[in-house]
N, C-alpha and C. Protein backbone atom coordinates (compact mmCIF):
# COMPACT_ATOMS: atom_id res chain seq x y z
N SER A 1 2.18 -11.16 8.24
CA SER A 1 3.28 -11.89 8.85
C SER A 1 3.27 -13.34 8.39
N PHE A 2 2.08 -13.93 8.34
CA PHE A 2 1.98 -15.32 7.94
C PHE A 2 2.37 -15.48 6.47
N CYS A 3 1.99 -14.52 5.65
CA CYS A 3 2.39 -14.52 4.23
C CYS A 3 3.91 -14.50 4.11
N CYS A 4 4.57 -13.66 4.87
CA CYS A 4 6.04 -13.58 4.84
C CYS A 4 6.66 -14.87 5.33
N PHE A 5 6.09 -15.46 6.37
CA PHE A 5 6.61 -16.71 6.92
C PHE A 5 6.51 -17.85 5.90
N LEU A 6 5.42 -17.87 5.11
CA LEU A 6 5.22 -18.95 4.14
C LEU A 6 6.24 -18.91 3.00
N LYS A 7 6.93 -17.79 2.82
CA LYS A 7 7.96 -17.70 1.78
C LYS A 7 9.15 -18.62 2.06
N LEU A 8 9.25 -19.13 3.27
CA LEU A 8 10.33 -20.06 3.62
C LEU A 8 10.11 -21.44 3.02
N SER A 9 8.89 -21.71 2.60
CA SER A 9 8.57 -23.03 2.06
C SER A 9 9.08 -23.19 0.63
N ARG A 10 9.33 -24.44 0.25
CA ARG A 10 9.69 -24.76 -1.13
C ARG A 10 8.52 -25.43 -1.85
N ASP A 11 7.38 -25.58 -1.15
CA ASP A 11 6.20 -26.21 -1.72
C ASP A 11 5.39 -25.16 -2.50
N TYR A 12 5.08 -25.47 -3.75
CA TYR A 12 4.40 -24.51 -4.62
C TYR A 12 3.03 -24.10 -4.07
N LEU A 13 2.26 -25.07 -3.58
CA LEU A 13 0.93 -24.78 -3.06
C LEU A 13 1.02 -23.85 -1.84
N THR A 14 1.99 -24.10 -0.98
CA THR A 14 2.19 -23.24 0.19
C THR A 14 2.55 -21.82 -0.24
N LEU A 15 3.42 -21.70 -1.24
CA LEU A 15 3.79 -20.38 -1.76
C LEU A 15 2.59 -19.68 -2.39
N ALA A 16 1.72 -20.45 -3.08
CA ALA A 16 0.52 -19.87 -3.68
C ALA A 16 -0.43 -19.36 -2.60
N VAL A 17 -0.59 -20.12 -1.52
CA VAL A 17 -1.42 -19.66 -0.40
C VAL A 17 -0.83 -18.37 0.19
N GLY A 18 0.49 -18.32 0.29
CA GLY A 18 1.15 -17.11 0.78
C GLY A 18 0.87 -15.91 -0.11
N ARG A 19 0.84 -16.12 -1.42
CA ARG A 19 0.55 -15.01 -2.34
C ARG A 19 -0.88 -14.54 -2.19
N VAL A 20 -1.81 -15.48 -2.01
CA VAL A 20 -3.22 -15.10 -1.80
C VAL A 20 -3.34 -14.28 -0.51
N LEU A 21 -2.68 -14.74 0.54
CA LEU A 21 -2.70 -13.98 1.80
C LEU A 21 -2.06 -12.60 1.62
N GLY A 22 -0.97 -12.54 0.83
CA GLY A 22 -0.33 -11.26 0.55
C GLY A 22 -1.26 -10.32 -0.21
N GLY A 23 -2.01 -10.86 -1.16
CA GLY A 23 -2.98 -10.05 -1.89
C GLY A 23 -4.09 -9.52 -0.99
N LEU A 24 -4.58 -10.38 -0.10
CA LEU A 24 -5.60 -9.93 0.85
C LEU A 24 -5.06 -8.85 1.78
N ALA A 25 -3.83 -9.05 2.25
CA ALA A 25 -3.22 -8.06 3.14
C ALA A 25 -3.03 -6.73 2.43
N THR A 26 -2.62 -6.77 1.17
CA THR A 26 -2.44 -5.54 0.40
C THR A 26 -3.77 -4.83 0.19
N ALA A 27 -4.82 -5.60 -0.13
CA ALA A 27 -6.15 -4.99 -0.31
C ALA A 27 -6.60 -4.31 0.98
N LEU A 28 -6.37 -4.96 2.12
CA LEU A 28 -6.73 -4.35 3.40
C LEU A 28 -5.87 -3.12 3.69
N LEU A 29 -4.60 -3.21 3.35
CA LEU A 29 -3.68 -2.11 3.61
C LEU A 29 -4.12 -0.84 2.88
N PHE A 30 -4.58 -0.99 1.65
CA PHE A 30 -4.93 0.17 0.85
C PHE A 30 -6.38 0.60 0.99
N SER A 31 -7.14 -0.03 1.86
CA SER A 31 -8.54 0.38 2.01
C SER A 31 -8.92 0.61 3.46
N SER A 32 -8.69 -0.36 4.32
CA SER A 32 -9.22 -0.25 5.68
C SER A 32 -8.54 0.84 6.50
N PHE A 33 -7.23 1.01 6.38
CA PHE A 33 -6.57 2.04 7.17
C PHE A 33 -6.98 3.44 6.72
N GLU A 34 -7.12 3.61 5.41
CA GLU A 34 -7.55 4.92 4.90
C GLU A 34 -8.98 5.22 5.35
N ALA A 35 -9.86 4.22 5.27
CA ALA A 35 -11.24 4.42 5.71
C ALA A 35 -11.29 4.73 7.20
N TRP A 36 -10.46 4.02 7.99
CA TRP A 36 -10.41 4.28 9.42
C TRP A 36 -9.96 5.71 9.68
N TYR A 37 -8.92 6.14 8.97
CA TYR A 37 -8.40 7.48 9.18
C TYR A 37 -9.43 8.55 8.82
N VAL A 38 -10.09 8.40 7.68
CA VAL A 38 -11.08 9.39 7.26
C VAL A 38 -12.19 9.50 8.30
N HIS A 39 -12.63 8.36 8.83
CA HIS A 39 -13.66 8.39 9.87
C HIS A 39 -13.15 9.11 11.12
N GLN A 40 -11.95 8.79 11.56
CA GLN A 40 -11.39 9.44 12.75
C GLN A 40 -11.23 10.94 12.52
N HIS A 41 -10.76 11.31 11.33
CA HIS A 41 -10.50 12.71 10.99
C HIS A 41 -11.79 13.53 11.01
N LEU A 42 -12.82 13.01 10.35
CA LEU A 42 -14.05 13.79 10.19
C LEU A 42 -15.04 13.60 11.33
N GLU A 43 -15.23 12.35 11.75
CA GLU A 43 -16.29 12.06 12.71
C GLU A 43 -15.85 12.19 14.17
N CYS A 44 -14.67 11.69 14.48
CA CYS A 44 -14.24 11.68 15.88
C CYS A 44 -13.58 12.98 16.31
N HIS A 45 -12.76 13.55 15.44
CA HIS A 45 -12.00 14.74 15.81
C HIS A 45 -12.52 16.01 15.16
N ASP A 46 -13.42 15.88 14.20
CA ASP A 46 -14.03 17.02 13.52
C ASP A 46 -12.99 17.99 12.96
N PHE A 47 -11.92 17.43 12.37
CA PHE A 47 -10.91 18.26 11.71
C PHE A 47 -11.46 18.77 10.38
N PRO A 48 -10.94 19.87 9.88
CA PRO A 48 -11.41 20.37 8.58
C PRO A 48 -11.16 19.35 7.46
N ARG A 49 -12.10 19.24 6.55
CA ARG A 49 -12.03 18.30 5.44
C ARG A 49 -10.81 18.57 4.56
N GLU A 50 -10.41 19.84 4.45
CA GLU A 50 -9.28 20.21 3.59
C GLU A 50 -7.96 19.58 4.06
N TRP A 51 -7.88 19.25 5.33
CA TRP A 51 -6.66 18.65 5.86
C TRP A 51 -6.44 17.23 5.34
N LEU A 52 -7.50 16.58 4.86
CA LEU A 52 -7.36 15.22 4.34
C LEU A 52 -6.36 15.17 3.19
N LEU A 53 -6.41 16.16 2.29
CA LEU A 53 -5.49 16.20 1.16
C LEU A 53 -4.04 16.34 1.63
N VAL A 54 -3.83 17.21 2.61
CA VAL A 54 -2.48 17.42 3.14
C VAL A 54 -1.97 16.14 3.80
N THR A 55 -2.83 15.53 4.61
CA THR A 55 -2.43 14.29 5.29
C THR A 55 -2.13 13.19 4.29
N SER A 56 -2.98 13.02 3.29
CA SER A 56 -2.77 11.98 2.28
C SER A 56 -1.47 12.20 1.53
N SER A 57 -1.17 13.44 1.23
CA SER A 57 0.07 13.76 0.53
C SER A 57 1.28 13.43 1.41
N GLN A 58 1.20 13.80 2.68
CA GLN A 58 2.30 13.50 3.61
C GLN A 58 2.47 11.99 3.80
N VAL A 59 1.36 11.28 3.90
CA VAL A 59 1.42 9.82 4.06
C VAL A 59 2.09 9.19 2.85
N ALA A 60 1.71 9.62 1.65
CA ALA A 60 2.31 9.07 0.43
C ALA A 60 3.81 9.34 0.40
N PHE A 61 4.20 10.56 0.74
CA PHE A 61 5.63 10.90 0.72
C PHE A 61 6.41 10.07 1.74
N TRP A 62 5.96 10.05 3.00
CA TRP A 62 6.71 9.35 4.04
C TRP A 62 6.64 7.84 3.89
N ASN A 63 5.57 7.34 3.32
CA ASN A 63 5.51 5.92 3.01
C ASN A 63 6.62 5.55 2.03
N ASN A 64 6.84 6.39 1.04
CA ASN A 64 7.91 6.14 0.07
C ASN A 64 9.30 6.28 0.71
N VAL A 65 9.46 7.24 1.59
CA VAL A 65 10.75 7.41 2.27
C VAL A 65 11.08 6.17 3.12
N ILE A 66 10.08 5.69 3.86
CA ILE A 66 10.29 4.49 4.67
C ILE A 66 10.57 3.29 3.78
N ALA A 67 9.87 3.20 2.65
CA ALA A 67 10.10 2.09 1.71
C ALA A 67 11.50 2.16 1.11
N MET A 68 12.02 3.37 0.89
CA MET A 68 13.40 3.50 0.40
C MET A 68 14.37 2.91 1.42
N GLY A 69 14.17 3.23 2.68
CA GLY A 69 15.02 2.67 3.74
C GLY A 69 14.86 1.16 3.82
N ALA A 70 13.63 0.67 3.68
CA ALA A 70 13.39 -0.77 3.72
C ALA A 70 14.09 -1.48 2.57
N GLY A 71 14.13 -0.83 1.40
CA GLY A 71 14.85 -1.41 0.27
C GLY A 71 16.33 -1.52 0.55
N GLY A 72 16.91 -0.51 1.19
CA GLY A 72 18.32 -0.56 1.57
C GLY A 72 18.59 -1.67 2.58
N VAL A 73 17.71 -1.79 3.57
CA VAL A 73 17.86 -2.86 4.57
C VAL A 73 17.71 -4.22 3.91
N ALA A 74 16.75 -4.34 3.00
CA ALA A 74 16.54 -5.61 2.29
C ALA A 74 17.78 -5.99 1.49
N ASP A 75 18.37 -5.03 0.82
CA ASP A 75 19.58 -5.31 0.04
C ASP A 75 20.73 -5.72 0.97
N PHE A 76 20.82 -5.06 2.11
CA PHE A 76 21.87 -5.41 3.08
C PHE A 76 21.71 -6.85 3.57
N LEU A 77 20.48 -7.23 3.92
CA LEU A 77 20.24 -8.58 4.44
C LEU A 77 20.43 -9.64 3.36
N ALA A 78 19.87 -9.38 2.18
CA ALA A 78 19.88 -10.40 1.13
C ALA A 78 21.24 -10.51 0.44
N GLU A 79 21.85 -9.37 0.12
CA GLU A 79 23.07 -9.39 -0.69
C GLU A 79 24.34 -9.30 0.16
N TRP A 80 24.43 -8.27 0.99
CA TRP A 80 25.67 -8.04 1.73
C TRP A 80 25.92 -9.13 2.77
N LEU A 81 24.86 -9.51 3.50
CA LEU A 81 25.03 -10.57 4.49
C LEU A 81 24.90 -11.95 3.85
N GLY A 82 24.38 -11.99 2.63
CA GLY A 82 24.25 -13.25 1.91
C GLY A 82 23.18 -14.18 2.45
N TRP A 83 22.15 -13.62 3.07
CA TRP A 83 21.09 -14.45 3.65
C TRP A 83 20.04 -14.86 2.64
N GLY A 84 20.10 -14.34 1.44
CA GLY A 84 19.19 -14.75 0.38
C GLY A 84 17.96 -13.88 0.25
N PRO A 85 17.19 -14.12 -0.80
CA PRO A 85 16.07 -13.23 -1.13
C PRO A 85 14.89 -13.29 -0.17
N VAL A 86 14.80 -14.31 0.65
CA VAL A 86 13.68 -14.41 1.58
C VAL A 86 13.96 -13.68 2.89
N ALA A 87 15.22 -13.37 3.17
CA ALA A 87 15.61 -12.73 4.44
C ALA A 87 14.84 -11.44 4.74
N PRO A 88 14.64 -10.54 3.77
CA PRO A 88 13.90 -9.32 4.10
C PRO A 88 12.46 -9.58 4.55
N PHE A 89 11.85 -10.61 3.99
CA PHE A 89 10.47 -10.94 4.37
C PHE A 89 10.43 -11.50 5.80
N VAL A 90 11.37 -12.35 6.12
CA VAL A 90 11.43 -12.91 7.47
C VAL A 90 11.77 -11.81 8.49
N ALA A 91 12.68 -10.92 8.11
CA ALA A 91 13.06 -9.83 9.01
C ALA A 91 11.90 -8.86 9.25
N SER A 92 10.95 -8.80 8.32
CA SER A 92 9.83 -7.87 8.49
C SER A 92 8.78 -8.38 9.48
N ILE A 93 8.78 -9.67 9.76
CA ILE A 93 7.73 -10.25 10.62
C ILE A 93 7.65 -9.57 12.00
N PRO A 94 8.75 -9.38 12.73
CA PRO A 94 8.61 -8.71 14.03
C PRO A 94 8.03 -7.29 13.92
N PHE A 95 8.38 -6.58 12.85
CA PHE A 95 7.86 -5.23 12.66
C PHE A 95 6.36 -5.26 12.34
N LEU A 96 5.94 -6.24 11.56
CA LEU A 96 4.51 -6.38 11.25
C LEU A 96 3.72 -6.71 12.50
N VAL A 97 4.24 -7.62 13.32
CA VAL A 97 3.56 -7.99 14.56
C VAL A 97 3.50 -6.79 15.50
N ALA A 98 4.62 -6.08 15.65
CA ALA A 98 4.65 -4.91 16.53
C ALA A 98 3.67 -3.84 16.06
N SER A 99 3.60 -3.61 14.74
CA SER A 99 2.65 -2.63 14.20
C SER A 99 1.22 -3.04 14.50
N GLY A 100 0.93 -4.32 14.33
CA GLY A 100 -0.42 -4.81 14.62
C GLY A 100 -0.78 -4.63 16.08
N LEU A 101 0.17 -4.93 16.97
CA LEU A 101 -0.09 -4.78 18.40
C LEU A 101 -0.27 -3.32 18.79
N LEU A 102 0.55 -2.44 18.21
CA LEU A 102 0.39 -1.01 18.49
C LEU A 102 -0.97 -0.50 18.03
N ALA A 103 -1.40 -0.93 16.86
CA ALA A 103 -2.73 -0.51 16.37
C ALA A 103 -3.83 -1.07 17.27
N LEU A 104 -3.68 -2.33 17.66
CA LEU A 104 -4.69 -2.96 18.51
C LEU A 104 -4.83 -2.25 19.85
N TRP A 105 -3.71 -1.87 20.44
CA TRP A 105 -3.75 -1.25 21.77
C TRP A 105 -4.06 0.25 21.74
N ASN A 106 -3.69 0.95 20.67
CA ASN A 106 -3.79 2.41 20.67
C ASN A 106 -4.88 3.00 19.79
N TRP A 107 -5.43 2.24 18.90
CA TRP A 107 -6.44 2.80 17.99
C TRP A 107 -7.82 2.36 18.43
N ASP A 108 -8.74 3.30 18.38
CA ASP A 108 -10.14 2.97 18.66
C ASP A 108 -10.73 2.28 17.45
N GLU A 109 -11.56 1.28 17.72
CA GLU A 109 -12.25 0.59 16.63
C GLU A 109 -13.39 1.48 16.16
N ASN A 110 -13.57 1.57 14.87
CA ASN A 110 -14.76 2.27 14.38
C ASN A 110 -15.50 1.31 13.47
N TYR A 111 -16.74 1.10 13.80
CA TYR A 111 -17.53 0.09 13.10
C TYR A 111 -18.36 0.69 11.97
N GLY A 112 -18.37 2.01 11.87
CA GLY A 112 -19.17 2.63 10.83
C GLY A 112 -20.65 2.44 11.12
N LYS A 113 -21.45 2.59 10.09
CA LYS A 113 -22.89 2.40 10.24
C LYS A 113 -23.18 0.91 10.31
N HIS A 114 -24.05 0.54 11.23
CA HIS A 114 -24.39 -0.88 11.38
C HIS A 114 -25.43 -1.25 10.33
N ARG A 115 -24.95 -1.88 9.27
CA ARG A 115 -25.83 -2.34 8.20
C ARG A 115 -25.42 -3.76 7.83
N THR A 116 -26.33 -4.48 7.23
CA THR A 116 -26.01 -5.84 6.81
C THR A 116 -25.00 -5.79 5.66
N PHE A 117 -24.26 -6.87 5.53
CA PHE A 117 -23.25 -6.96 4.47
C PHE A 117 -23.91 -6.83 3.09
N SER A 118 -25.04 -7.49 2.90
CA SER A 118 -25.71 -7.43 1.59
C SER A 118 -26.21 -6.02 1.29
N ARG A 119 -26.65 -5.30 2.31
CA ARG A 119 -27.11 -3.92 2.09
C ARG A 119 -25.93 -3.02 1.73
N THR A 120 -24.81 -3.20 2.41
CA THR A 120 -23.61 -2.41 2.13
C THR A 120 -23.14 -2.66 0.69
N CYS A 121 -23.05 -3.93 0.31
CA CYS A 121 -22.61 -4.26 -1.06
C CYS A 121 -23.63 -3.77 -2.08
N GLY A 122 -24.91 -3.91 -1.77
CA GLY A 122 -25.96 -3.45 -2.70
C GLY A 122 -25.89 -1.94 -2.91
N ASP A 123 -25.68 -1.18 -1.83
CA ASP A 123 -25.56 0.27 -1.95
C ASP A 123 -24.33 0.65 -2.77
N GLY A 124 -23.23 -0.07 -2.55
CA GLY A 124 -22.02 0.20 -3.32
C GLY A 124 -22.21 -0.09 -4.79
N LEU A 125 -22.85 -1.21 -5.10
CA LEU A 125 -23.10 -1.58 -6.49
C LEU A 125 -24.05 -0.59 -7.15
N LYS A 126 -25.06 -0.15 -6.41
CA LYS A 126 -26.00 0.84 -6.94
C LYS A 126 -25.28 2.15 -7.27
N CYS A 127 -24.40 2.59 -6.38
CA CYS A 127 -23.62 3.82 -6.62
C CYS A 127 -22.72 3.64 -7.83
N LEU A 128 -22.11 2.47 -7.94
CA LEU A 128 -21.20 2.19 -9.05
C LEU A 128 -21.92 2.23 -10.39
N LEU A 129 -23.12 1.65 -10.44
CA LEU A 129 -23.85 1.56 -11.71
C LEU A 129 -24.68 2.79 -12.03
N SER A 130 -25.02 3.59 -11.02
CA SER A 130 -25.87 4.75 -11.28
C SER A 130 -25.10 5.99 -11.72
N ASP A 131 -23.83 6.07 -11.41
CA ASP A 131 -23.03 7.23 -11.78
C ASP A 131 -21.89 6.78 -12.70
N ARG A 132 -21.95 7.18 -13.95
CA ARG A 132 -20.97 6.76 -14.95
C ARG A 132 -19.55 7.15 -14.54
N ARG A 133 -19.41 8.30 -13.88
CA ARG A 133 -18.08 8.76 -13.46
C ARG A 133 -17.45 7.82 -12.44
N VAL A 134 -18.27 7.32 -11.52
CA VAL A 134 -17.77 6.39 -10.51
C VAL A 134 -17.33 5.08 -11.19
N LEU A 135 -18.14 4.61 -12.14
CA LEU A 135 -17.78 3.39 -12.88
C LEU A 135 -16.48 3.58 -13.66
N LEU A 136 -16.33 4.72 -14.32
CA LEU A 136 -15.11 4.99 -15.07
C LEU A 136 -13.90 5.10 -14.14
N LEU A 137 -14.06 5.79 -13.03
CA LEU A 137 -12.97 5.92 -12.07
C LEU A 137 -12.56 4.55 -11.52
N GLY A 138 -13.54 3.72 -11.19
CA GLY A 138 -13.25 2.38 -10.71
C GLY A 138 -12.55 1.53 -11.76
N THR A 139 -12.96 1.67 -13.01
CA THR A 139 -12.33 0.93 -14.10
C THR A 139 -10.89 1.38 -14.29
N ILE A 140 -10.66 2.68 -14.27
CA ILE A 140 -9.29 3.20 -14.40
C ILE A 140 -8.42 2.73 -13.25
N GLN A 141 -8.96 2.78 -12.04
CA GLN A 141 -8.21 2.32 -10.87
C GLN A 141 -7.88 0.83 -10.97
N ALA A 142 -8.85 0.02 -11.41
CA ALA A 142 -8.61 -1.42 -11.55
C ALA A 142 -7.55 -1.70 -12.60
N LEU A 143 -7.60 -0.98 -13.72
CA LEU A 143 -6.59 -1.17 -14.76
C LEU A 143 -5.21 -0.74 -14.27
N PHE A 144 -5.16 0.39 -13.59
CA PHE A 144 -3.88 0.87 -13.04
C PHE A 144 -3.30 -0.15 -12.07
N GLU A 145 -4.13 -0.64 -11.14
CA GLU A 145 -3.64 -1.61 -10.15
C GLU A 145 -3.20 -2.91 -10.80
N SER A 146 -3.90 -3.33 -11.87
CA SER A 146 -3.48 -4.57 -12.54
C SER A 146 -2.13 -4.38 -13.22
N ILE A 147 -1.90 -3.21 -13.81
CA ILE A 147 -0.60 -2.93 -14.43
C ILE A 147 0.50 -2.91 -13.37
N ILE A 148 0.22 -2.27 -12.25
CA ILE A 148 1.20 -2.22 -11.15
C ILE A 148 1.49 -3.63 -10.64
N SER A 149 0.46 -4.46 -10.51
CA SER A 149 0.66 -5.83 -10.04
C SER A 149 1.52 -6.63 -11.01
N ILE A 150 1.28 -6.47 -12.30
CA ILE A 150 2.10 -7.15 -13.31
C ILE A 150 3.54 -6.66 -13.22
N PHE A 151 3.71 -5.36 -13.07
CA PHE A 151 5.06 -4.79 -12.94
C PHE A 151 5.77 -5.36 -11.72
N ILE A 152 5.07 -5.40 -10.58
CA ILE A 152 5.66 -5.91 -9.35
C ILE A 152 6.05 -7.38 -9.52
N PHE A 153 5.22 -8.13 -10.24
CA PHE A 153 5.49 -9.55 -10.45
C PHE A 153 6.69 -9.78 -11.37
N LEU A 154 6.90 -8.87 -12.33
CA LEU A 154 7.91 -9.11 -13.37
C LEU A 154 9.25 -8.40 -13.19
N TRP A 155 9.32 -7.34 -12.41
CA TRP A 155 10.56 -6.56 -12.43
C TRP A 155 11.76 -7.33 -11.87
N THR A 156 11.54 -8.16 -10.85
CA THR A 156 12.68 -8.89 -10.31
C THR A 156 13.20 -9.98 -11.26
N PRO A 157 12.32 -10.79 -11.89
CA PRO A 157 12.87 -11.78 -12.82
C PRO A 157 13.56 -11.15 -14.04
N VAL A 158 13.09 -9.96 -14.44
CA VAL A 158 13.71 -9.30 -15.59
C VAL A 158 15.12 -8.81 -15.24
N LEU A 159 15.31 -8.28 -14.02
CA LEU A 159 16.61 -7.73 -13.64
C LEU A 159 17.56 -8.76 -13.04
N ASP A 160 17.02 -9.88 -12.57
CA ASP A 160 17.84 -10.88 -11.89
C ASP A 160 19.01 -11.40 -12.72
N PRO A 161 18.85 -11.68 -14.03
CA PRO A 161 20.01 -12.18 -14.80
C PRO A 161 21.18 -11.20 -14.87
N TYR A 162 20.90 -9.92 -14.64
CA TYR A 162 21.96 -8.91 -14.72
C TYR A 162 22.65 -8.68 -13.39
N GLY A 163 22.20 -9.35 -12.34
CA GLY A 163 22.82 -9.21 -11.03
C GLY A 163 22.58 -7.85 -10.39
N ALA A 164 21.50 -7.20 -10.77
CA ALA A 164 21.18 -5.88 -10.20
C ALA A 164 20.87 -6.03 -8.72
N PRO A 165 21.31 -5.08 -7.89
CA PRO A 165 20.97 -5.13 -6.46
C PRO A 165 19.49 -4.76 -6.28
N LEU A 166 18.64 -5.77 -6.11
CA LEU A 166 17.19 -5.57 -6.15
C LEU A 166 16.69 -4.62 -5.07
N GLY A 167 17.30 -4.66 -3.88
CA GLY A 167 16.88 -3.74 -2.82
C GLY A 167 17.15 -2.29 -3.19
N ILE A 168 18.29 -2.04 -3.83
CA ILE A 168 18.63 -0.68 -4.25
C ILE A 168 17.72 -0.24 -5.40
N VAL A 169 17.42 -1.15 -6.31
CA VAL A 169 16.49 -0.82 -7.41
C VAL A 169 15.13 -0.47 -6.83
N PHE A 170 14.66 -1.28 -5.85
CA PHE A 170 13.38 -0.99 -5.20
C PHE A 170 13.42 0.38 -4.53
N SER A 171 14.51 0.70 -3.85
CA SER A 171 14.64 2.02 -3.22
C SER A 171 14.57 3.13 -4.27
N SER A 172 15.15 2.89 -5.43
CA SER A 172 15.09 3.88 -6.51
C SER A 172 13.65 4.08 -7.00
N PHE A 173 12.90 2.98 -7.10
CA PHE A 173 11.49 3.10 -7.48
C PHE A 173 10.74 3.94 -6.44
N MET A 174 11.01 3.69 -5.18
CA MET A 174 10.32 4.42 -4.12
C MET A 174 10.74 5.90 -4.09
N ALA A 175 12.01 6.16 -4.40
CA ALA A 175 12.47 7.55 -4.49
C ALA A 175 11.75 8.27 -5.62
N SER A 176 11.55 7.59 -6.73
CA SER A 176 10.82 8.19 -7.84
C SER A 176 9.37 8.46 -7.46
N SER A 177 8.78 7.54 -6.72
CA SER A 177 7.41 7.74 -6.26
C SER A 177 7.32 8.91 -5.29
N ALA A 178 8.28 9.03 -4.39
CA ALA A 178 8.31 10.17 -3.45
C ALA A 178 8.47 11.47 -4.20
N LEU A 179 9.32 11.48 -5.22
CA LEU A 179 9.51 12.68 -6.03
C LEU A 179 8.21 13.05 -6.75
N GLY A 180 7.54 12.05 -7.30
CA GLY A 180 6.26 12.31 -7.97
C GLY A 180 5.22 12.85 -7.02
N SER A 181 5.16 12.30 -5.81
CA SER A 181 4.22 12.79 -4.80
C SER A 181 4.53 14.24 -4.43
N SER A 182 5.81 14.56 -4.28
CA SER A 182 6.21 15.93 -3.94
C SER A 182 5.90 16.90 -5.08
N LEU A 183 6.16 16.48 -6.31
CA LEU A 183 5.86 17.34 -7.45
C LEU A 183 4.36 17.57 -7.59
N TYR A 184 3.56 16.53 -7.33
CA TYR A 184 2.11 16.69 -7.37
C TYR A 184 1.65 17.69 -6.32
N HIS A 185 2.18 17.55 -5.10
CA HIS A 185 1.83 18.48 -4.03
C HIS A 185 2.24 19.91 -4.40
N LEU A 186 3.41 20.07 -5.00
CA LEU A 186 3.89 21.37 -5.43
C LEU A 186 2.98 21.95 -6.52
N ALA A 187 2.53 21.11 -7.43
CA ALA A 187 1.68 21.57 -8.52
C ALA A 187 0.34 22.09 -8.02
N LEU A 188 -0.11 21.61 -6.86
CA LEU A 188 -1.39 22.05 -6.31
C LEU A 188 -1.29 23.33 -5.49
N THR A 189 -0.08 23.80 -5.23
CA THR A 189 0.08 25.00 -4.42
C THR A 189 -0.43 26.23 -5.16
N SER A 190 -0.61 27.31 -4.44
CA SER A 190 -1.15 28.54 -5.03
C SER A 190 -0.21 29.12 -6.07
N ARG A 191 1.08 28.79 -6.00
CA ARG A 191 2.03 29.33 -6.97
C ARG A 191 1.76 28.80 -8.37
N TYR A 192 1.47 27.48 -8.49
CA TYR A 192 1.25 26.87 -9.80
C TYR A 192 -0.22 26.64 -10.10
N HIS A 193 -0.99 26.51 -9.09
CA HIS A 193 -2.46 26.48 -9.18
C HIS A 193 -3.00 25.43 -10.15
N LEU A 194 -2.35 24.29 -10.28
CA LEU A 194 -2.89 23.21 -11.10
C LEU A 194 -3.86 22.41 -10.23
N GLN A 195 -5.08 22.28 -10.68
CA GLN A 195 -6.09 21.57 -9.90
C GLN A 195 -6.60 20.36 -10.67
N PRO A 196 -6.68 19.22 -10.01
CA PRO A 196 -7.27 18.05 -10.67
C PRO A 196 -8.78 18.24 -10.82
N VAL A 197 -9.35 17.69 -11.87
CA VAL A 197 -10.79 17.80 -12.07
C VAL A 197 -11.41 16.40 -12.12
C-alpha cells in the first residue's frame, strides 16, 4: 500500500524508495504466502500431498483471471475516466489494506521451526551448493525472473507512443498466462500424460 501511495510523488528518490518497497512486497508475495499455505496444507490439516499441485494450478489460473479484471478496471480508471496512470495504484490501496486485515484476523500464524537466522541461511546455502540440480534450478529461476522484471519495466514505455490501452494489454497478457496455466494442467491429465521431470 505504501509503495502504491508513493507513486503520487514527483520526487525521483521517493519513487525509487517506492520501487524498492514494491520489489520487497513482490518477493514476499511469491514466497511467504506459498510457504504458509504448504505448511497449513501438510502440517495443520494433513491433506494429501498430491492436492498441492491441483491447488497451485487453480491459484495460478484464478490469479490470472483476477488480474485480467484488474487490468480492465485499471484501464477504466486511467483512460476512460481520465484519472491518469497512477489512479489504478491509488485505487488498489483499500483492497490491499482489506486483504492484509483479513489475513491478520483469519489466518493462523505459523512460525515454522524455531532456528536462528544464520542457521536457516546456512542450511539453505548448504543445500544450494551440495546439490547441483538445486543450484541449476535456482539459476534458471533467477534468470527467468530477471527477464520478467525487464519485460515488466519496458513494456509500457515501448507501447506508450502508440497510444495502446495499457490496462487492456495487461489483461491480454494475463489471459495468455491463464491459457498457458490451463494448457499445462491439461497436459498433465491422464489423457495426455505429459509429466515434468
